[in-house]
Structures are given as C-alpha cells and as structure tokens.
Amino acid sequence: MRTVSSSLTFFNKYLFLIIWSGMFGLGTLTMFLSRSVDNPPKYQFLVAWIFGTIFIYLICGRIKKVQIDGSKVIISNFISSDEITISQIISVSGSVFLTPEFVWFKVKEPTKFGTTIIF
C-alpha cells in the first residue's frame, strides 16, 4: 500500500486549525479583557479570528488521506475510510497558488466523502 497524500495531512487537517484558532482566539480574548487606555482594534481582531477560522476549516478541513493498494484507492479522514477502484476516477486536478498544494479527483459515484476528494 502506497500513501499518495502528504505526510502532513493529519497536521494540516486537525492540528493547524486547533493551534491557529486557539492562539489567535487567545490573543483576541486578551484584548477584550485588557483594561488598557489604548483601545486596540479588538472587534476587528474578533472578526478576523472568526473568518480566519472558517476559511482554514473550509480549506484544510476537507483534505483526506489517500492510499493506493493495487487497483483500489483507500480514502480516509482518520476516523472512517472508504474504498473505490481507480477506474471510478474521472478527473484529477490540483492547485497551483495555494500552500500547501492540493490535489483533487472526481469520482463517478459518490463516496462517503462526496464526489470530489481533496488531498
């Protein structure tokens, strides 16, 4: 069995969101609890934290671990997995300007994870 997704998939899917949102949220909370005379732009940080967390979730929350075993493709979100055959893949594409770079493929019939798999 060969893994074709990144070795950082688990980090990018779960840990990066938790670390980024936690640290940015802690900084935002600190601004709200501060009694400083200087009024920092705390509401702007609150909005940035909310939209940043949503953006990271939409980008990184959808990535999957993908492995190939012969003619089977095993797709996993680290909680559950699904198998398809390579012949079910109808197209493969990828990102150019995003970091990390993503690859995705579309399948003929929906899997547990939909018809587009991002890894």
N, C-alpha and C. Protein backbone atom coordinates (compact mmCIF):
# COMPACT_ATOMS: atom_id res chain seq x y z
N MET A 1 0.84 -1.17 0.00
CA MET A 1 0.00 0.00 0.00
C MET A 1 0.89 1.24 0.00
N ARG A 2 0.59 2.17 -0.89
CA ARG A 2 1.39 3.38 -1.03
C ARG A 2 0.53 4.60 -0.70
N THR A 3 1.02 5.45 0.18
CA THR A 3 0.32 6.68 0.54
C THR A 3 0.69 7.76 -0.48
N VAL A 4 -0.32 8.37 -1.09
CA VAL A 4 -0.07 9.42 -2.07
C VAL A 4 -0.36 10.81 -1.51
N SER A 5 -1.03 10.87 -0.38
CA SER A 5 -1.26 12.17 0.25
C SER A 5 -0.04 12.55 1.07
N SER A 6 0.00 13.79 1.49
CA SER A 6 1.15 14.32 2.22
C SER A 6 1.28 13.67 3.60
N SER A 7 2.51 13.61 4.08
CA SER A 7 2.74 13.11 5.44
C SER A 7 2.23 14.11 6.48
N LEU A 8 1.95 15.35 6.05
CA LEU A 8 1.43 16.38 6.95
C LEU A 8 -0.09 16.50 6.91
N THR A 9 -0.78 15.53 6.32
CA THR A 9 -2.23 15.60 6.20
C THR A 9 -2.90 15.72 7.56
N PHE A 10 -2.52 14.92 8.52
CA PHE A 10 -3.14 14.98 9.85
C PHE A 10 -2.90 16.34 10.49
N PHE A 11 -1.67 16.84 10.40
CA PHE A 11 -1.36 18.16 10.95
C PHE A 11 -2.19 19.24 10.29
N ASN A 12 -2.23 19.25 8.95
CA ASN A 12 -2.97 20.29 8.22
C ASN A 12 -4.47 20.20 8.46
N LYS A 13 -4.99 19.00 8.63
CA LYS A 13 -6.44 18.81 8.79
C LYS A 13 -6.90 19.15 10.20
N TYR A 14 -6.16 18.75 11.21
CA TYR A 14 -6.63 18.91 12.59
C TYR A 14 -5.78 19.88 13.43
N LEU A 15 -4.50 19.64 13.51
CA LEU A 15 -3.66 20.40 14.44
C LEU A 15 -3.48 21.86 14.04
N PHE A 16 -3.30 22.14 12.75
CA PHE A 16 -3.11 23.52 12.32
C PHE A 16 -4.31 24.38 12.69
N LEU A 17 -5.51 23.88 12.45
CA LEU A 17 -6.73 24.63 12.79
C LEU A 17 -6.83 24.87 14.29
N ILE A 18 -6.56 23.86 15.08
CA ILE A 18 -6.64 24.00 16.53
C ILE A 18 -5.59 24.98 17.05
N ILE A 19 -4.37 24.85 16.57
CA ILE A 19 -3.29 25.74 17.04
C ILE A 19 -3.55 27.17 16.60
N TRP A 20 -3.86 27.39 15.31
CA TRP A 20 -4.08 28.74 14.81
C TRP A 20 -5.27 29.40 15.50
N SER A 21 -6.39 28.70 15.53
CA SER A 21 -7.59 29.27 16.12
C SER A 21 -7.42 29.50 17.62
N GLY A 22 -6.74 28.57 18.28
CA GLY A 22 -6.51 28.73 19.72
C GLY A 22 -5.63 29.92 20.05
N MET A 23 -4.54 30.06 19.33
CA MET A 23 -3.61 31.16 19.61
C MET A 23 -4.22 32.52 19.22
N PHE A 24 -4.84 32.59 18.06
CA PHE A 24 -5.46 33.85 17.62
C PHE A 24 -6.63 34.19 18.54
N GLY A 25 -7.40 33.17 18.93
CA GLY A 25 -8.52 33.39 19.85
C GLY A 25 -8.05 33.86 21.22
N LEU A 26 -6.95 33.29 21.70
CA LEU A 26 -6.39 33.72 22.99
C LEU A 26 -5.92 35.17 22.92
N GLY A 27 -5.29 35.54 21.83
CA GLY A 27 -4.86 36.92 21.66
C GLY A 27 -6.06 37.87 21.60
N THR A 28 -7.11 37.47 20.92
CA THR A 28 -8.32 38.29 20.83
C THR A 28 -8.99 38.41 22.19
N LEU A 29 -9.07 37.31 22.92
CA LEU A 29 -9.66 37.34 24.26
C LEU A 29 -8.86 38.24 25.19
N THR A 30 -7.55 38.20 25.06
CA THR A 30 -6.69 39.06 25.87
C THR A 30 -6.99 40.53 25.61
N MET A 31 -7.25 40.87 24.35
CA MET A 31 -7.59 42.27 24.03
C MET A 31 -8.90 42.68 24.69
N PHE A 32 -9.87 41.78 24.72
CA PHE A 32 -11.16 42.12 25.32
C PHE A 32 -11.06 42.23 26.84
N LEU A 33 -10.17 41.47 27.45
CA LEU A 33 -10.02 41.51 28.91
C LEU A 33 -9.07 42.59 29.37
N SER A 34 -8.32 43.19 28.46
CA SER A 34 -7.35 44.21 28.81
C SER A 34 -8.06 45.51 29.20
N ARG A 35 -7.53 46.17 30.22
CA ARG A 35 -8.09 47.45 30.65
C ARG A 35 -7.17 48.59 30.21
N SER A 36 -6.51 48.39 29.14
CA SER A 36 -5.57 49.38 28.62
C SER A 36 -6.30 50.64 28.17
N VAL A 37 -5.64 51.77 28.35
CA VAL A 37 -6.20 53.04 27.89
C VAL A 37 -6.23 53.05 26.36
N ASP A 38 -5.19 52.50 25.75
CA ASP A 38 -5.19 52.38 24.29
C ASP A 38 -6.26 51.36 23.90
N ASN A 39 -7.15 51.78 23.06
CA ASN A 39 -8.23 50.89 22.65
C ASN A 39 -7.81 50.15 21.38
N PRO A 40 -7.30 48.92 21.53
CA PRO A 40 -6.87 48.19 20.34
C PRO A 40 -8.10 47.85 19.48
N PRO A 41 -7.87 47.55 18.23
CA PRO A 41 -8.98 47.21 17.33
C PRO A 41 -9.51 45.80 17.63
N LYS A 42 -10.04 45.61 18.83
CA LYS A 42 -10.42 44.27 19.27
C LYS A 42 -11.55 43.66 18.44
N TYR A 43 -12.48 44.48 17.97
CA TYR A 43 -13.58 43.92 17.16
C TYR A 43 -13.09 43.50 15.79
N GLN A 44 -12.10 44.20 15.28
CA GLN A 44 -11.51 43.79 14.00
C GLN A 44 -10.78 42.46 14.16
N PHE A 45 -10.10 42.28 15.29
CA PHE A 45 -9.44 41.00 15.55
C PHE A 45 -10.45 39.89 15.75
N LEU A 46 -11.58 40.19 16.39
CA LEU A 46 -12.63 39.19 16.58
C LEU A 46 -13.18 38.72 15.23
N VAL A 47 -13.45 39.67 14.34
CA VAL A 47 -13.96 39.32 13.01
C VAL A 47 -12.90 38.54 12.22
N ALA A 48 -11.63 38.97 12.31
CA ALA A 48 -10.55 38.27 11.62
C ALA A 48 -10.39 36.84 12.15
N TRP A 49 -10.54 36.68 13.46
CA TRP A 49 -10.43 35.35 14.06
C TRP A 49 -11.55 34.43 13.57
N ILE A 50 -12.78 34.95 13.56
CA ILE A 50 -13.93 34.14 13.12
C ILE A 50 -13.78 33.76 11.65
N PHE A 51 -13.53 34.75 10.79
CA PHE A 51 -13.42 34.46 9.35
C PHE A 51 -12.17 33.64 9.03
N GLY A 52 -11.08 33.87 9.74
CA GLY A 52 -9.87 33.08 9.53
C GLY A 52 -10.08 31.62 9.89
N THR A 53 -10.76 31.39 11.01
CA THR A 53 -11.05 30.01 11.43
C THR A 53 -11.95 29.32 10.41
N ILE A 54 -12.98 30.02 9.95
CA ILE A 54 -13.88 29.43 8.95
C ILE A 54 -13.12 29.14 7.66
N PHE A 55 -12.28 30.07 7.22
CA PHE A 55 -11.51 29.88 6.00
C PHE A 55 -10.58 28.67 6.10
N ILE A 56 -9.85 28.58 7.20
CA ILE A 56 -8.93 27.45 7.38
C ILE A 56 -9.71 26.14 7.43
N TYR A 57 -10.86 26.14 8.09
CA TYR A 57 -11.67 24.92 8.15
C TYR A 57 -12.14 24.52 6.74
N LEU A 58 -12.61 25.48 5.97
CA LEU A 58 -13.10 25.16 4.62
C LEU A 58 -11.98 24.68 3.71
N ILE A 59 -10.79 25.20 3.88
CA ILE A 59 -9.66 24.78 3.04
C ILE A 59 -9.05 23.47 3.55
N CYS A 60 -8.67 23.43 4.82
CA CYS A 60 -7.94 22.27 5.34
C CYS A 60 -8.84 21.19 5.93
N GLY A 61 -10.03 21.52 6.32
CA GLY A 61 -10.91 20.53 6.93
C GLY A 61 -11.40 19.48 5.97
N ARG A 62 -11.31 19.74 4.69
CA ARG A 62 -11.82 18.80 3.70
C ARG A 62 -10.76 17.83 3.18
N ILE A 63 -9.49 18.02 3.54
CA ILE A 63 -8.46 17.15 2.96
C ILE A 63 -8.53 15.75 3.56
N LYS A 64 -8.12 14.78 2.79
CA LYS A 64 -8.19 13.37 3.16
C LYS A 64 -6.83 12.71 2.98
N LYS A 65 -6.68 11.59 3.65
CA LYS A 65 -5.51 10.73 3.45
C LYS A 65 -5.88 9.75 2.34
N VAL A 66 -5.03 9.65 1.33
CA VAL A 66 -5.31 8.78 0.18
C VAL A 66 -4.17 7.79 0.02
N GLN A 67 -4.55 6.51 -0.09
CA GLN A 67 -3.58 5.43 -0.30
C GLN A 67 -4.01 4.60 -1.49
N ILE A 68 -3.04 4.04 -2.19
CA ILE A 68 -3.32 3.17 -3.33
C ILE A 68 -2.80 1.78 -3.00
N ASP A 69 -3.66 0.80 -3.19
CA ASP A 69 -3.31 -0.60 -2.97
C ASP A 69 -3.76 -1.39 -4.20
N GLY A 70 -2.85 -1.59 -5.14
CA GLY A 70 -3.19 -2.26 -6.39
C GLY A 70 -4.12 -1.38 -7.22
N SER A 71 -5.33 -1.87 -7.47
CA SER A 71 -6.31 -1.08 -8.24
C SER A 71 -7.32 -0.40 -7.33
N LYS A 72 -7.11 -0.48 -6.01
CA LYS A 72 -8.01 0.16 -5.06
C LYS A 72 -7.41 1.47 -4.55
N VAL A 73 -8.28 2.44 -4.31
CA VAL A 73 -7.89 3.71 -3.70
C VAL A 73 -8.63 3.77 -2.36
N ILE A 74 -7.86 3.90 -1.27
CA ILE A 74 -8.44 3.99 0.07
C ILE A 74 -8.41 5.45 0.50
N ILE A 75 -9.58 5.98 0.82
CA ILE A 75 -9.74 7.38 1.21
C ILE A 75 -10.12 7.39 2.69
N SER A 76 -9.42 8.23 3.48
CA SER A 76 -9.66 8.25 4.92
C SER A 76 -9.64 9.68 5.44
N ASN A 77 -10.48 9.94 6.45
CA ASN A 77 -10.43 11.21 7.17
C ASN A 77 -9.89 11.00 8.58
N PHE A 78 -9.22 9.88 8.80
CA PHE A 78 -8.61 9.44 10.05
C PHE A 78 -9.64 8.94 11.05
N ILE A 79 -10.92 9.03 10.72
CA ILE A 79 -11.97 8.48 11.59
C ILE A 79 -12.65 7.31 10.89
N SER A 80 -12.96 7.49 9.62
CA SER A 80 -13.53 6.41 8.82
C SER A 80 -12.85 6.42 7.45
N SER A 81 -13.07 5.35 6.71
CA SER A 81 -12.44 5.25 5.40
C SER A 81 -13.42 4.66 4.39
N ASP A 82 -13.09 4.80 3.13
CA ASP A 82 -13.90 4.28 2.04
C ASP A 82 -12.95 3.82 0.94
N GLU A 83 -13.37 2.82 0.18
CA GLU A 83 -12.55 2.28 -0.91
C GLU A 83 -13.27 2.47 -2.23
N ILE A 84 -12.50 2.83 -3.25
CA ILE A 84 -13.01 2.88 -4.61
C ILE A 84 -11.96 2.23 -5.51
N THR A 85 -12.35 1.93 -6.72
CA THR A 85 -11.36 1.43 -7.69
C THR A 85 -10.84 2.61 -8.51
N ILE A 86 -9.67 2.45 -9.04
CA ILE A 86 -9.06 3.52 -9.83
C ILE A 86 -9.93 3.85 -11.04
N SER A 87 -10.65 2.86 -11.57
CA SER A 87 -11.50 3.10 -12.74
C SER A 87 -12.68 4.03 -12.45
N GLN A 88 -13.00 4.26 -11.17
CA GLN A 88 -14.09 5.17 -10.82
C GLN A 88 -13.66 6.64 -10.88
N ILE A 89 -12.37 6.92 -10.96
CA ILE A 89 -11.87 8.29 -11.01
C ILE A 89 -12.06 8.83 -12.42
N ILE A 90 -12.74 10.00 -12.54
CA ILE A 90 -12.99 10.55 -13.87
C ILE A 90 -12.07 11.72 -14.20
N SER A 91 -11.54 12.42 -13.20
CA SER A 91 -10.59 13.51 -13.48
C SER A 91 -9.72 13.77 -12.27
N VAL A 92 -8.53 14.28 -12.53
CA VAL A 92 -7.57 14.63 -11.49
C VAL A 92 -7.07 16.04 -11.79
N SER A 93 -7.01 16.87 -10.74
CA SER A 93 -6.53 18.24 -10.91
C SER A 93 -5.79 18.65 -9.65
N GLY A 94 -5.28 19.89 -9.63
CA GLY A 94 -4.55 20.34 -8.46
C GLY A 94 -4.48 21.85 -8.37
N SER A 95 -4.07 22.33 -7.21
CA SER A 95 -3.93 23.76 -7.00
C SER A 95 -2.53 24.20 -7.39
N VAL A 96 -2.40 25.46 -7.72
CA VAL A 96 -1.10 25.99 -8.10
C VAL A 96 -0.64 27.03 -7.09
N PHE A 97 -1.54 27.89 -6.67
CA PHE A 97 -1.15 29.03 -5.85
C PHE A 97 -1.44 28.86 -4.36
N LEU A 98 -2.00 27.75 -3.94
CA LEU A 98 -2.27 27.50 -2.53
C LEU A 98 -1.09 26.80 -1.88
N THR A 99 -0.87 27.11 -0.62
CA THR A 99 0.13 26.39 0.15
C THR A 99 -0.54 25.89 1.41
N PRO A 100 -0.56 24.64 1.68
CA PRO A 100 0.04 23.56 0.90
C PRO A 100 -0.72 23.34 -0.41
N GLU A 101 -0.02 22.76 -1.37
CA GLU A 101 -0.65 22.47 -2.65
C GLU A 101 -1.61 21.30 -2.47
N PHE A 102 -2.75 21.39 -3.10
CA PHE A 102 -3.76 20.34 -3.00
C PHE A 102 -3.92 19.64 -4.34
N VAL A 103 -4.28 18.38 -4.28
CA VAL A 103 -4.65 17.59 -5.45
C VAL A 103 -6.05 17.09 -5.17
N TRP A 104 -6.88 17.06 -6.20
CA TRP A 104 -8.21 16.51 -6.00
C TRP A 104 -8.59 15.68 -7.21
N PHE A 105 -9.47 14.73 -6.95
CA PHE A 105 -10.01 13.95 -8.05
C PHE A 105 -11.51 13.81 -7.87
N LYS A 106 -12.18 13.64 -9.00
CA LYS A 106 -13.63 13.47 -9.01
C LYS A 106 -13.92 12.02 -9.37
N VAL A 107 -14.96 11.50 -8.75
CA VAL A 107 -15.34 10.10 -8.97
C VAL A 107 -16.73 10.02 -9.61
N LYS A 108 -16.99 8.91 -10.28
CA LYS A 108 -18.27 8.71 -10.98
C LYS A 108 -19.43 8.63 -10.00
N GLU A 109 -19.27 7.84 -8.94
CA GLU A 109 -20.35 7.64 -7.96
C GLU A 109 -19.91 8.22 -6.63
N PRO A 110 -20.83 8.84 -5.89
CA PRO A 110 -20.46 9.45 -4.60
C PRO A 110 -19.90 8.42 -3.60
N THR A 111 -18.90 8.86 -2.85
CA THR A 111 -18.35 8.07 -1.76
C THR A 111 -18.89 8.64 -0.45
N LYS A 112 -18.43 8.11 0.67
CA LYS A 112 -18.78 8.68 1.98
C LYS A 112 -18.41 10.16 2.07
N PHE A 113 -17.40 10.53 1.31
CA PHE A 113 -16.84 11.87 1.39
C PHE A 113 -17.24 12.75 0.21
N GLY A 114 -18.19 12.32 -0.60
CA GLY A 114 -18.66 13.10 -1.72
C GLY A 114 -18.06 12.65 -3.04
N THR A 115 -18.22 13.49 -4.06
CA THR A 115 -17.71 13.13 -5.39
C THR A 115 -16.35 13.77 -5.70
N THR A 116 -15.93 14.73 -4.87
CA THR A 116 -14.62 15.35 -5.05
C THR A 116 -13.78 15.07 -3.81
N ILE A 117 -12.65 14.45 -3.98
CA ILE A 117 -11.75 14.10 -2.89
C ILE A 117 -10.53 14.98 -2.97
N ILE A 118 -10.24 15.72 -1.90
CA ILE A 118 -9.09 16.63 -1.86
C ILE A 118 -8.03 16.03 -0.94
N PHE A 119 -6.79 16.02 -1.40
CA PHE A 119 -5.69 15.54 -0.55
C PHE A 119 -4.44 16.31 -0.83
